[in-house]
């Protein structure tokens, strides 16, 4: 089962927010609710959840559940 809630932590201010992840697209940008910083994925990641959150994006979760290293968001 895919978890759609993920807690994202801003690397600039340390602000923490729980968000619902998209199931049909990557989230490439995220505006921190605490400081306004626009987060972008780290190099090698396709979405902000894979870079800054406690739960990776749904495609990664599904790939791991199937025993595959998996590509993020359809890659």
Foldseek 3Di string as FASTA:
>chain_A
DFDQWKWFADPPPRDIDIDGHDQQAAAQWDQDPPPRDIDGADPPDHHRCVRGIPGRHRQCVVCVVVVHNGDPNVD
